[in-house]
Amino acid sequence: MFLALAGLVLAAAFVGLTVQGNAIGREIAGYQSDLASDQAQHEALAAQIAKQNTADYVKQKARDYGYIAPNESILAVQRDGQASDALARTVSQGPSRIARWFAFFFGSR
């Protein structure tokens, strides 16, 4: 009887140690997967930083914020027809170019 009781106690202790070992194994696996995902995120951020440290990236970001390099100018293109209509009205409102030249050279003095 004593031997059976001792066997049961040892079996219970063995089961407890096995359950605890399995729980620790699951924690280790969880930590390893967290470490792998953090390393992947670190590599992605390092690649992004390396890309952002290039001169082309800095120039493009400066242009996005409205800065221009020396010897450059900003051009704006208006895509609708309003600008050409306004220009046509301005030209047609005054006297013709020939009339202005004639008035300039031969006008009354």
PDB file of N, CA and C in Angstrom:
ATOM      1  N   MET A   1       0.819  -1.169   0.000  1.00  0.00           N
ATOM      2  CA  MET A   1       0.000   0.000   0.000  1.00  0.00           C
ATOM      3  C   MET A   1       0.883   1.261   0.000  1.00  0.00           C
ATOM      4  N   PHE A   2       1.894   1.204   0.854  1.00  0.00           N
ATOM      5  CA  PHE A   2       2.806   2.320   0.941  1.00  0.00           C
ATOM      6  C   PHE A   2       3.479   2.566  -0.396  1.00  0.00           C
ATOM      7  N   LEU A   3       3.837   1.505  -1.054  1.00  0.00           N
ATOM      8  CA  LEU A   3       4.488   1.606  -2.353  1.00  0.00           C
ATOM      9  C   LEU A   3       3.531   2.200  -3.394  1.00  0.00           C
ATOM     10  N   ALA A   4       2.289   1.851  -3.366  1.00  0.00           N
ATOM     11  CA  ALA A   4       1.294   2.399  -4.294  1.00  0.00           C
ATOM     12  C   ALA A   4       1.069   3.880  -4.017  1.00  0.00           C
ATOM     13  N   LEU A   5       1.014   4.248  -2.738  1.00  0.00           N
ATOM     14  CA  LEU A   5       0.826   5.632  -2.366  1.00  0.00           C
ATOM     15  C   LEU A   5       2.033   6.480  -2.798  1.00  0.00           C
ATOM     16  N   ALA A   6       3.219   5.944  -2.611  1.00  0.00           N
ATOM     17  CA  ALA A   6       4.433   6.649  -3.035  1.00  0.00           C
ATOM     18  C   ALA A   6       4.454   6.787  -4.553  1.00  0.00           C
ATOM     19  N   GLY A   7       3.987   5.788  -5.250  1.00  0.00           N
ATOM     20  CA  GLY A   7       3.913   5.845  -6.716  1.00  0.00           C
ATOM     21  C   GLY A   7       2.945   6.924  -7.177  1.00  0.00           C
ATOM     22  N   LEU A   8       1.813   7.035  -6.488  1.00  0.00           N
ATOM     23  CA  LEU A   8       0.832   8.063  -6.836  1.00  0.00           C
ATOM     24  C   LEU A   8       1.387   9.465  -6.583  1.00  0.00           C
ATOM     25  N   VAL A   9       2.094   9.657  -5.503  1.00  0.00           N
ATOM     26  CA  VAL A   9       2.682  10.957  -5.187  1.00  0.00           C
ATOM     27  C   VAL A   9       3.721  11.316  -6.237  1.00  0.00           C
ATOM     28  N   LEU A  10       4.571  10.340  -6.570  1.00  0.00           N
ATOM     29  CA  LEU A  10       5.587  10.589  -7.599  1.00  0.00           C
ATOM     30  C   LEU A  10       4.942  10.858  -8.961  1.00  0.00           C
ATOM     31  N   ALA A  11       3.858  10.149  -9.279  1.00  0.00           N
ATOM     32  CA  ALA A  11       3.170  10.365 -10.545  1.00  0.00           C
ATOM     33  C   ALA A  11       2.544  11.767 -10.582  1.00  0.00           C
ATOM     34  N   ALA A  12       1.969  12.205  -9.484  1.00  0.00           N
ATOM     35  CA  ALA A  12       1.375  13.539  -9.413  1.00  0.00           C
ATOM     36  C   ALA A  12       2.449  14.605  -9.569  1.00  0.00           C
ATOM     37  N   ALA A  13       3.591  14.386  -8.931  1.00  0.00           N
ATOM     38  CA  ALA A  13       4.685  15.343  -9.066  1.00  0.00           C
ATOM     39  C   ALA A  13       5.192  15.371 -10.505  1.00  0.00           C
ATOM     40  N   PHE A  14       5.299  14.211 -11.121  1.00  0.00           N
ATOM     41  CA  PHE A  14       5.750  14.139 -12.514  1.00  0.00           C
ATOM     42  C   PHE A  14       4.764  14.845 -13.443  1.00  0.00           C
ATOM     43  N   VAL A  15       3.475  14.656 -13.228  1.00  0.00           N
ATOM     44  CA  VAL A  15       2.453  15.315 -14.046  1.00  0.00           C
ATOM     45  C   VAL A  15       2.531  16.823 -13.851  1.00  0.00           C
ATOM     46  N   GLY A  16       2.714  17.278 -12.621  1.00  0.00           N
ATOM     47  CA  GLY A  16       2.827  18.703 -12.340  1.00  0.00           C
ATOM     48  C   GLY A  16       4.036  19.317 -13.037  1.00  0.00           C
ATOM     49  N   LEU A  17       5.171  18.602 -12.979  1.00  0.00           N
ATOM     50  CA  LEU A  17       6.375  19.090 -13.652  1.00  0.00           C
ATOM     51  C   LEU A  17       6.199  19.102 -15.172  1.00  0.00           C
ATOM     52  N   THR A  18       5.528  18.115 -15.707  1.00  0.00           N
ATOM     53  CA  THR A  18       5.295  18.049 -17.150  1.00  0.00           C
ATOM     54  C   THR A  18       4.378  19.179 -17.607  1.00  0.00           C
ATOM     55  N   VAL A  19       3.329  19.447 -16.856  1.00  0.00           N
ATOM     56  CA  VAL A  19       2.411  20.535 -17.190  1.00  0.00           C
ATOM     57  C   VAL A  19       3.149  21.869 -17.117  1.00  0.00           C
ATOM     58  N   GLN A  20       3.959  22.055 -16.080  1.00  0.00           N
ATOM     59  CA  GLN A  20       4.719  23.281 -15.929  1.00  0.00           C
ATOM     60  C   GLN A  20       5.747  23.414 -17.053  1.00  0.00           C
ATOM     61  N   GLY A  21       6.391  22.329 -17.430  1.00  0.00           N
ATOM     62  CA  GLY A  21       7.353  22.351 -18.541  1.00  0.00           C
ATOM     63  C   GLY A  21       6.679  22.700 -19.864  1.00  0.00           C
ATOM     64  N   ASN A  22       5.485  22.182 -20.089  1.00  0.00           N
ATOM     65  CA  ASN A  22       4.739  22.501 -21.315  1.00  0.00           C
ATOM     66  C   ASN A  22       4.338  23.975 -21.349  1.00  0.00           C
ATOM     67  N   ALA A  23       3.935  24.509 -20.190  1.00  0.00           N
ATOM     68  CA  ALA A  23       3.556  25.924 -20.127  1.00  0.00           C
ATOM     69  C   ALA A  23       4.773  26.802 -20.422  1.00  0.00           C
ATOM     70  N   ILE A  24       5.908  26.446 -19.871  1.00  0.00           N
ATOM     71  CA  ILE A  24       7.134  27.203 -20.144  1.00  0.00           C
ATOM     72  C   ILE A  24       7.509  27.084 -21.617  1.00  0.00           C
ATOM     73  N   GLY A  25       7.354  25.921 -22.203  1.00  0.00           N
ATOM     74  CA  GLY A  25       7.628  25.735 -23.637  1.00  0.00           C
ATOM     75  C   GLY A  25       6.738  26.612 -24.505  1.00  0.00           C
ATOM     76  N   ARG A  26       5.450  26.727 -24.132  1.00  0.00           N
ATOM     77  CA  ARG A  26       4.538  27.596 -24.882  1.00  0.00           C
ATOM     78  C   ARG A  26       4.941  29.062 -24.745  1.00  0.00           C
ATOM     79  N   GLU A  27       5.369  29.476 -23.550  1.00  0.00           N
ATOM     80  CA  GLU A  27       5.831  30.848 -23.358  1.00  0.00           C
ATOM     81  C   GLU A  27       7.073  31.124 -24.196  1.00  0.00           C
ATOM     82  N   ILE A  28       7.979  30.168 -24.222  1.00  0.00           N
ATOM     83  CA  ILE A  28       9.199  30.333 -25.028  1.00  0.00           C
ATOM     84  C   ILE A  28       8.842  30.464 -26.502  1.00  0.00           C
ATOM     85  N   ALA A  29       7.930  29.639 -26.981  1.00  0.00           N
ATOM     86  CA  ALA A  29       7.512  29.719 -28.386  1.00  0.00           C
ATOM     87  C   ALA A  29       6.854  31.063 -28.682  1.00  0.00           C
ATOM     88  N   GLY A  30       6.042  31.570 -27.733  1.00  0.00           N
ATOM     89  CA  GLY A  30       5.409  32.879 -27.910  1.00  0.00           C
ATOM     90  C   GLY A  30       6.436  33.992 -27.960  1.00  0.00           C
ATOM     91  N   TYR A  31       7.424  33.921 -27.067  1.00  0.00           N
ATOM     92  CA  TYR A  31       8.476  34.935 -27.059  1.00  0.00           C
ATOM     93  C   TYR A  31       9.322  34.874 -28.329  1.00  0.00           C
ATOM     94  N   GLN A  32       9.569  33.676 -28.826  1.00  0.00           N
ATOM     95  CA  GLN A  32      10.337  33.548 -30.064  1.00  0.00           C
ATOM     96  C   GLN A  32       9.576  34.119 -31.259  1.00  0.00           C
ATOM     97  N   SER A  33       8.267  33.903 -31.307  1.00  0.00           N
ATOM     98  CA  SER A  33       7.488  34.479 -32.413  1.00  0.00           C
ATOM     99  C   SER A  33       7.423  36.000 -32.297  1.00  0.00           C
ATOM    100  N   ASP A  34       7.309  36.522 -31.066  1.00  0.00           N
ATOM    101  CA  ASP A  34       7.346  37.978 -30.870  1.00  0.00           C
ATOM    102  C   ASP A  34       8.690  38.550 -31.308  1.00  0.00           C
ATOM    103  N   LEU A  35       9.764  37.838 -30.965  1.00  0.00           N
ATOM    104  CA  LEU A  35      11.099  38.283 -31.351  1.00  0.00           C
ATOM    105  C   LEU A  35      11.256  38.286 -32.874  1.00  0.00           C
ATOM    106  N   ALA A  36      10.741  37.254 -33.534  1.00  0.00           N
ATOM    107  CA  ALA A  36      10.835  37.188 -34.996  1.00  0.00           C
ATOM    108  C   ALA A  36      10.043  38.326 -35.646  1.00  0.00           C
ATOM    109  N   SER A  37       8.854  38.622 -35.135  1.00  0.00           N
ATOM    110  CA  SER A  37       8.067  39.712 -35.718  1.00  0.00           C
ATOM    111  C   SER A  37       8.718  41.065 -35.452  1.00  0.00           C
ATOM    112  N   ASP A  38       9.305  41.229 -34.265  1.00  0.00           N
ATOM    113  CA  ASP A  38      10.006  42.485 -33.966  1.00  0.00           C
ATOM    114  C   ASP A  38      11.239  42.654 -34.838  1.00  0.00           C
ATOM    115  N   GLN A  39      11.954  41.570 -35.106  1.00  0.00           N
ATOM    116  CA  GLN A  39      13.120  41.652 -35.989  1.00  0.00           C
ATOM    117  C   GLN A  39      12.699  42.008 -37.415  1.00  0.00           C
ATOM    118  N   ALA A  40      11.590  41.449 -37.883  1.00  0.00           N
ATOM    119  CA  ALA A  40      11.087  41.789 -39.220  1.00  0.00           C
ATOM    120  C   ALA A  40      10.685  43.252 -39.286  1.00  0.00           C
ATOM    121  N   GLN A  41      10.043  43.739 -38.237  1.00  0.00           N
ATOM    122  CA  GLN A  41       9.657  45.148 -38.190  1.00  0.00           C
ATOM    123  C   GLN A  41      10.898  46.039 -38.151  1.00  0.00           C
ATOM    124  N   HIS A  42      11.907  45.622 -37.409  1.00  0.00           N
ATOM    125  CA  HIS A  42      13.157  46.379 -37.340  1.00  0.00           C
ATOM    126  C   HIS A  42      13.818  46.450 -38.710  1.00  0.00           C
ATOM    127  N   GLU A  43      13.838  45.344 -39.432  1.00  0.00           N
ATOM    128  CA  GLU A  43      14.445  45.330 -40.769  1.00  0.00           C
ATOM    129  C   GLU A  43      13.669  46.225 -41.733  1.00  0.00           C
ATOM    130  N   ALA A  44      12.341  46.213 -41.626  1.00  0.00           N
ATOM    131  CA  ALA A  44      11.528  47.068 -42.495  1.00  0.00           C
ATOM    132  C   ALA A  44      11.781  48.543 -42.189  1.00  0.00           C
ATOM    133  N   LEU A  45      11.875  48.887 -40.915  1.00  0.00           N
ATOM    134  CA  LEU A  45      12.142  50.275 -40.545  1.00  0.00           C
ATOM    135  C   LEU A  45      13.558  50.692 -40.946  1.00  0.00           C
ATOM    136  N   ALA A  46      14.520  49.783 -40.824  1.00  0.00           N
ATOM    137  CA  ALA A  46      15.889  50.096 -41.238  1.00  0.00           C
ATOM    138  C   ALA A  46      15.948  50.334 -42.745  1.00  0.00           C
ATOM    139  N   ALA A  47      15.195  49.542 -43.518  1.00  0.00           N
ATOM    140  CA  ALA A  47      15.153  49.748 -44.968  1.00  0.00           C
ATOM    141  C   ALA A  47      14.494  51.084 -45.301  1.00  0.00           C
ATOM    142  N   GLN A  48      13.451  51.448 -44.573  1.00  0.00           N
ATOM    143  CA  GLN A  48      12.781  52.733 -44.802  1.00  0.00           C
ATOM    144  C   GLN A  48      13.713  53.888 -44.464  1.00  0.00           C
ATOM    145  N   ILE A  49      14.454  53.769 -43.394  1.00  0.00           N
ATOM    146  CA  ILE A  49      15.404  54.821 -43.013  1.00  0.00           C
ATOM    147  C   ILE A  49      16.501  54.942 -44.064  1.00  0.00           C
ATOM    148  N   ALA A  50      16.998  53.806 -44.554  1.00  0.00           N
ATOM    149  CA  ALA A  50      18.035  53.842 -45.587  1.00  0.00           C
ATOM    150  C   ALA A  50      17.512  54.518 -46.849  1.00  0.00           C
ATOM    151  N   LYS A  51      16.253  54.264 -47.185  1.00  0.00           N
ATOM    152  CA  LYS A  51      15.653  54.902 -48.369  1.00  0.00           C
ATOM    153  C   LYS A  51      15.493  56.404 -48.147  1.00  0.00           C
ATOM    154  N   GLN A  52      15.124  56.801 -46.937  1.00  0.00           N
ATOM    155  CA  GLN A  52      14.895  58.211 -46.644  1.00  0.00           C
ATOM    156  C   GLN A  52      16.190  58.997 -46.491  1.00  0.00           C
ATOM    157  N   ASN A  53      17.308  58.325 -46.362  1.00  0.00           N
ATOM    158  CA  ASN A  53      18.586  59.020 -46.247  1.00  0.00           C
ATOM    159  C   ASN A  53      19.230  59.294 -47.605  1.00  0.00           C
ATOM    160  N   THR A  54      18.574  58.986 -48.688  1.00  0.00           N
ATOM    161  CA  THR A  54      19.126  59.253 -50.007  1.00  0.00           C
ATOM    162  C   THR A  54      18.837  60.695 -50.409  1.00  0.00           C
ATOM    163  N   ALA A  55      19.689  61.227 -51.264  1.00  0.00           N
ATOM    164  CA  ALA A  55      19.536  62.611 -51.712  1.00  0.00           C
ATOM    165  C   ALA A  55      18.265  62.789 -52.551  1.00  0.00           C
ATOM    166  N   ASP A  56      17.928  61.791 -53.365  1.00  0.00           N
ATOM    167  CA  ASP A  56      16.718  61.896 -54.193  1.00  0.00           C
ATOM    168  C   ASP A  56      15.457  61.993 -53.333  1.00  0.00           C
ATOM    169  N   TYR A  57      15.405  61.224 -52.257  1.00  0.00           N
ATOM    170  CA  TYR A  57      14.239  61.265 -51.376  1.00  0.00           C
ATOM    171  C   TYR A  57      14.117  62.646 -50.719  1.00  0.00           C
ATOM    172  N   VAL A  58      15.243  63.178 -50.262  1.00  0.00           N
ATOM    173  CA  VAL A  58      15.229  64.488 -49.610  1.00  0.00           C
ATOM    174  C   VAL A  58      14.795  65.566 -50.594  1.00  0.00           C
ATOM    175  N   LYS A  59      15.286  65.508 -51.827  1.00  0.00           N
ATOM    176  CA  LYS A  59      14.881  66.493 -52.840  1.00  0.00           C
ATOM    177  C   LYS A  59      13.391  66.393 -53.129  1.00  0.00           C
ATOM    178  N   GLN A  60      12.885  65.166 -53.242  1.00  0.00           N
ATOM    179  CA  GLN A  60      11.462  64.998 -53.540  1.00  0.00           C
ATOM    180  C   GLN A  60      10.602  65.517 -52.395  1.00  0.00           C
ATOM    181  N   LYS A  61      10.988  65.236 -51.155  1.00  0.00           N
ATOM    182  CA  LYS A  61      10.224  65.741 -50.014  1.00  0.00           C
ATOM    183  C   LYS A  61      10.267  67.273 -49.968  1.00  0.00           C
ATOM    184  N   ALA A  62      11.424  67.860 -50.288  1.00  0.00           N
ATOM    185  CA  ALA A  62      11.519  69.319 -50.309  1.00  0.00           C
ATOM    186  C   ALA A  62      10.591  69.887 -51.374  1.00  0.00           C
ATOM    187  N   ARG A  63      10.528  69.253 -52.527  1.00  0.00           N
ATOM    188  CA  ARG A  63       9.605  69.710 -53.583  1.00  0.00           C
ATOM    189  C   ARG A  63       8.158  69.554 -53.149  1.00  0.00           C
ATOM    190  N   ASP A  64       7.867  68.471 -52.414  1.00  0.00           N
ATOM    191  CA  ASP A  64       6.505  68.279 -51.915  1.00  0.00           C
ATOM    192  C   ASP A  64       6.094  69.402 -50.968  1.00  0.00           C
ATOM    193  N   TYR A  65       7.053  69.949 -50.220  1.00  0.00           N
ATOM    194  CA  TYR A  65       6.765  71.039 -49.297  1.00  0.00           C
ATOM    195  C   TYR A  65       6.893  72.412 -49.936  1.00  0.00           C
ATOM    196  N   GLY A  66       7.161  72.459 -51.238  1.00  0.00           N
ATOM    197  CA  GLY A  66       7.162  73.725 -51.950  1.00  0.00           C
ATOM    198  C   GLY A  66       8.521  74.366 -52.130  1.00  0.00           C
ATOM    199  N   TYR A  67       9.574  73.714 -51.704  1.00  0.00           N
ATOM    200  CA  TYR A  67      10.911  74.278 -51.886  1.00  0.00           C
ATOM    201  C   TYR A  67      11.406  73.997 -53.300  1.00  0.00           C
ATOM    202  N   ILE A  68      12.216  74.901 -53.819  1.00  0.00           N
ATOM    203  CA  ILE A  68      12.796  74.700 -55.138  1.00  0.00           C
ATOM    204  C   ILE A  68      14.298  74.857 -55.034  1.00  0.00           C
ATOM    205  N   ALA A  69      15.012  74.204 -55.938  1.00  0.00           N
ATOM    206  CA  ALA A  69      16.466  74.274 -55.958  1.00  0.00           C
ATOM    207  C   ALA A  69      16.894  75.554 -56.680  1.00  0.00           C
ATOM    208  N   PRO A  70      18.132  75.965 -56.504  1.00  0.00           N
ATOM    209  CA  PRO A  70      18.620  77.129 -57.252  1.00  0.00           C
ATOM    210  C   PRO A  70      18.502  76.869 -58.759  1.00  0.00           C
ATOM    211  N   ASN A  71      18.233  77.908 -59.504  1.00  0.00           N
ATOM    212  CA  ASN A  71      18.065  77.857 -60.958  1.00  0.00           C
ATOM    213  C   ASN A  71      16.842  77.045 -61.382  1.00  0.00           C
ATOM    214  N   GLU A  72      15.883  76.879 -60.510  1.00  0.00           N
ATOM    215  CA  GLU A  72      14.617  76.237 -60.852  1.00  0.00           C
ATOM    216  C   GLU A  72      13.493  77.241 -60.637  1.00  0.00           C
ATOM    217  N   SER A  73      12.391  77.016 -61.307  1.00  0.00           N
ATOM    218  CA  SER A  73      11.226  77.862 -61.090  1.00  0.00           C
ATOM    219  C   SER A  73       9.981  76.992 -61.066  1.00  0.00           C
ATOM    220  N   ILE A  74       8.952  77.496 -60.453  1.00  0.00           N
ATOM    221  CA  ILE A  74       7.696  76.765 -60.344  1.00  0.00           C
ATOM    222  C   ILE A  74       6.769  77.222 -61.463  1.00  0.00           C
ATOM    223  N   LEU A  75       6.220  76.279 -62.167  1.00  0.00           N
ATOM    224  CA  LEU A  75       5.251  76.564 -63.227  1.00  0.00           C
ATOM    225  C   LEU A  75       3.915  75.986 -62.821  1.00  0.00           C
ATOM    226  N   ALA A  76       2.878  76.719 -63.056  1.00  0.00           N
ATOM    227  CA  ALA A  76       1.529  76.238 -62.779  1.00  0.00           C
ATOM    228  C   ALA A  76       0.766  76.169 -64.089  1.00  0.00           C
ATOM    229  N   VAL A  77       0.128  75.067 -64.319  1.00  0.00           N
ATOM    230  CA  VAL A  77      -0.634  74.870 -65.549  1.00  0.00           C
ATOM    231  C   VAL A  77      -2.101  74.819 -65.182  1.00  0.00           C
ATOM    232  N   GLN A  78      -2.882  75.704 -65.802  1.00  0.00           N
ATOM    233  CA  GLN A  78      -4.317  75.716 -65.550  1.00  0.00           C
ATOM    234  C   GLN A  78      -4.972  74.870 -66.628  1.00  0.00           C
ATOM    235  N   ARG A  79      -5.692  73.862 -66.230  1.00  0.00           N
ATOM    236  CA  ARG A  79      -6.222  72.890 -67.173  1.00  0.00           C
ATOM    237  C   ARG A  79      -7.588  73.266 -67.743  1.00  0.00           C
ATOM    238  N   ASP A  80      -8.311  74.148 -67.116  1.00  0.00           N
ATOM    239  CA  ASP A  80      -9.614  74.510 -67.669  1.00  0.00           C
ATOM    240  C   ASP A  80      -9.466  75.659 -68.664  1.00  0.00           C
ATOM    241  N   GLY A  81     -10.505  76.033 -69.333  1.00  0.00           N
ATOM    242  CA  GLY A  81     -10.445  77.035 -70.389  1.00  0.00           C
ATOM    243  C   GLY A  81     -10.570  78.458 -69.899  1.00  0.00           C
ATOM    244  N   GLN A  82     -10.602  78.714 -68.624  1.00  0.00           N
ATOM    245  CA  GLN A  82     -10.817  80.060 -68.113  1.00  0.00           C
ATOM    246  C   GLN A  82      -9.680  80.997 -68.464  1.00  0.00           C
ATOM    247  N   ALA A  83      -8.463  80.542 -68.439  1.00  0.00           N
ATOM    248  CA  ALA A  83      -7.319  81.423 -68.696  1.00  0.00           C
ATOM    249  C   ALA A  83      -7.320  81.881 -70.156  1.00  0.00           C
ATOM    250  N   SER A  84      -7.573  80.989 -71.074  1.00  0.00           N
ATOM    251  CA  SER A  84      -7.556  81.381 -72.479  1.00  0.00           C
ATOM    252  C   SER A  84      -8.723  82.322 -72.801  1.00  0.00           C
ATOM    253  N   ASP A  85      -9.874  82.135 -72.160  1.00  0.00           N
ATOM    254  CA  ASP A  85     -11.002  83.042 -72.368  1.00  0.00           C
ATOM    255  C   ASP A  85     -10.678  84.441 -71.837  1.00  0.00           C
ATOM    256  N   ALA A  86     -10.048  84.522 -70.675  1.00  0.00           N
ATOM    257  CA  ALA A  86      -9.698  85.818 -70.095  1.00  0.00           C
ATOM    258  C   ALA A  86      -8.671  86.528 -70.959  1.00  0.00           C
ATOM    259  N   LEU A  87      -7.714  85.789 -71.495  1.00  0.00           N
ATOM    260  CA  LEU A  87      -6.701  86.377 -72.366  1.00  0.00           C
ATOM    261  C   LEU A  87      -7.338  86.894 -73.657  1.00  0.00           C
ATOM    262  N   ALA A  88      -8.266  86.157 -74.227  1.00  0.00           N
ATOM    263  CA  ALA A  88      -8.935  86.584 -75.464  1.00  0.00           C
ATOM    264  C   ALA A  88      -9.747  87.858 -75.214  1.00  0.00           C
ATOM    265  N   ARG A  89     -10.403  87.965 -74.067  1.00  0.00           N
ATOM    266  CA  ARG A  89     -11.173  89.166 -73.764  1.00  0.00           C
ATOM    267  C   ARG A  89     -10.254  90.364 -73.568  1.00  0.00           C
ATOM    268  N   THR A  90      -9.102  90.148 -72.945  1.00  0.00           N
ATOM    269  CA  THR A  90      -8.165  91.242 -72.709  1.00  0.00           C
ATOM    270  C   THR A  90      -7.632  91.774 -74.028  1.00  0.00           C
ATOM    271  N   VAL A  91      -7.293  90.885 -74.931  1.00  0.00           N
ATOM    272  CA  VAL A  91      -6.739  91.300 -76.223  1.00  0.00           C
ATOM    273  C   VAL A  91      -7.809  91.998 -77.059  1.00  0.00           C
ATOM    274  N   SER A  92      -9.032  91.514 -77.050  1.00  0.00           N
ATOM    275  CA  SER A  92     -10.063  92.077 -77.917  1.00  0.00           C
ATOM    276  C   SER A  92     -10.653  93.380 -77.360  1.00  0.00           C
ATOM    277  N   GLN A  93     -10.437  93.723 -76.099  1.00  0.00           N
ATOM    278  CA  GLN A  93     -11.050  94.911 -75.526  1.00  0.00           C
ATOM    279  C   GLN A  93     -10.379  96.202 -75.977  1.00  0.00           C
ATOM    280  N   GLY A  94      -9.072  96.221 -76.096  1.00  0.00           N
ATOM    281  CA  GLY A  94      -8.372  97.455 -76.437  1.00  0.00           C
ATOM    282  C   GLY A  94      -8.221  97.608 -77.940  1.00  0.00           C
ATOM    283  N   PRO A  95      -7.595  98.743 -78.357  1.00  0.00           N
ATOM    284  CA  PRO A  95      -7.348  98.939 -79.787  1.00  0.00           C
ATOM    285  C   PRO A  95      -6.320  97.930 -80.279  1.00  0.00           C
ATOM    286  N   SER A  96      -6.307  97.731 -81.578  1.00  0.00           N
ATOM    287  CA  SER A  96      -5.397  96.748 -82.139  1.00  0.00           C
ATOM    288  C   SER A  96      -3.953  97.208 -81.972  1.00  0.00           C
ATOM    289  N   ARG A  97      -3.052  96.320 -82.134  1.00  0.00           N
ATOM    290  CA  ARG A  97      -1.642  96.614 -81.971  1.00  0.00           C
ATOM    291  C   ARG A  97      -1.166  97.633 -83.002  1.00  0.00           C
ATOM    292  N   ILE A  98      -1.636  97.487 -84.229  1.00  0.00           N
ATOM    293  CA  ILE A  98      -1.244  98.422 -85.295  1.00  0.00           C
ATOM    294  C   ILE A  98      -1.747  99.822 -84.973  1.00  0.00           C
ATOM    295  N   ALA A  99      -2.975  99.927 -84.469  1.00  0.00           N
ATOM    296  CA  ALA A  99      -3.521 101.241 -84.111  1.00  0.00           C
ATOM    297  C   ALA A  99      -2.713 101.868 -82.982  1.00  0.00           C
ATOM    298  N   ARG A 100      -2.274 101.068 -82.019  1.00  0.00           N
ATOM    299  CA  ARG A 100      -1.461 101.613 -80.930  1.00  0.00           C
ATOM    300  C   ARG A 100      -0.108 102.082 -81.433  1.00  0.00           C
ATOM    301  N   TRP A 101       0.520 101.331 -82.367  1.00  0.00           N
ATOM    302  CA  TRP A 101       1.805 101.744 -82.941  1.00  0.00           C
ATOM    303  C   TRP A 101       1.626 103.034 -83.756  1.00  0.00           C
ATOM    304  N   PHE A 102       0.570 103.067 -84.519  1.00  0.00           N
ATOM    305  CA  PHE A 102       0.309 104.256 -85.335  1.00  0.00           C
ATOM    306  C   PHE A 102       0.111 105.488 -84.440  1.00  0.00           C
ATOM    307  N   ALA A 103      -0.653 105.318 -83.359  1.00  0.00           N
ATOM    308  CA  ALA A 103      -0.892 106.424 -82.439  1.00  0.00           C
ATOM    309  C   ALA A 103       0.403 106.824 -81.738  1.00  0.00           C
ATOM    310  N   PHE A 104       1.265 105.882 -81.466  1.00  0.00           N
ATOM    311  CA  PHE A 104       2.513 106.189 -80.782  1.00  0.00           C
ATOM    312  C   PHE A 104       3.473 107.022 -81.665  1.00  0.00           C
ATOM    313  N   PHE A 105       3.584 106.608 -82.932  1.00  0.00           N
ATOM    314  CA  PHE A 105       4.547 107.300 -83.813  1.00  0.00           C
ATOM    315  C   PHE A 105       3.954 108.514 -84.514  1.00  0.00           C
ATOM    316  N   PHE A 106       2.702 108.438 -84.885  1.00  0.00           N
ATOM    317  CA  PHE A 106       2.118 109.515 -85.678  1.00  0.00           C
ATOM    318  C   PHE A 106       1.009 110.279 -84.955  1.00  0.00           C
ATOM    319  N   GLY A 107       0.887 110.045 -83.670  1.00  0.00           N
ATOM    320  CA  GLY A 107      -0.184 110.674 -82.906  1.00  0.00           C
ATOM    321  C   GLY A 107       0.054 112.179 -82.786  1.00  0.00           C
ATOM    322  N   SER A 108      -0.956 112.871 -82.322  1.00  0.00           N
ATOM    323  CA  SER A 108      -0.841 114.327 -82.203  1.00  0.00           C
ATOM    324  C   SER A 108       0.148 114.678 -81.100  1.00  0.00           C
ATOM    325  N   ARG A 109       0.901 115.767 -81.399  1.00  0.00           N
ATOM    326  CA  ARG A 109       1.920 116.197 -80.446  1.00  0.00           C
ATOM    327  C   ARG A 109       1.647 117.547 -79.919  1.00  0.00           C
TER     328      ARG A 109
END
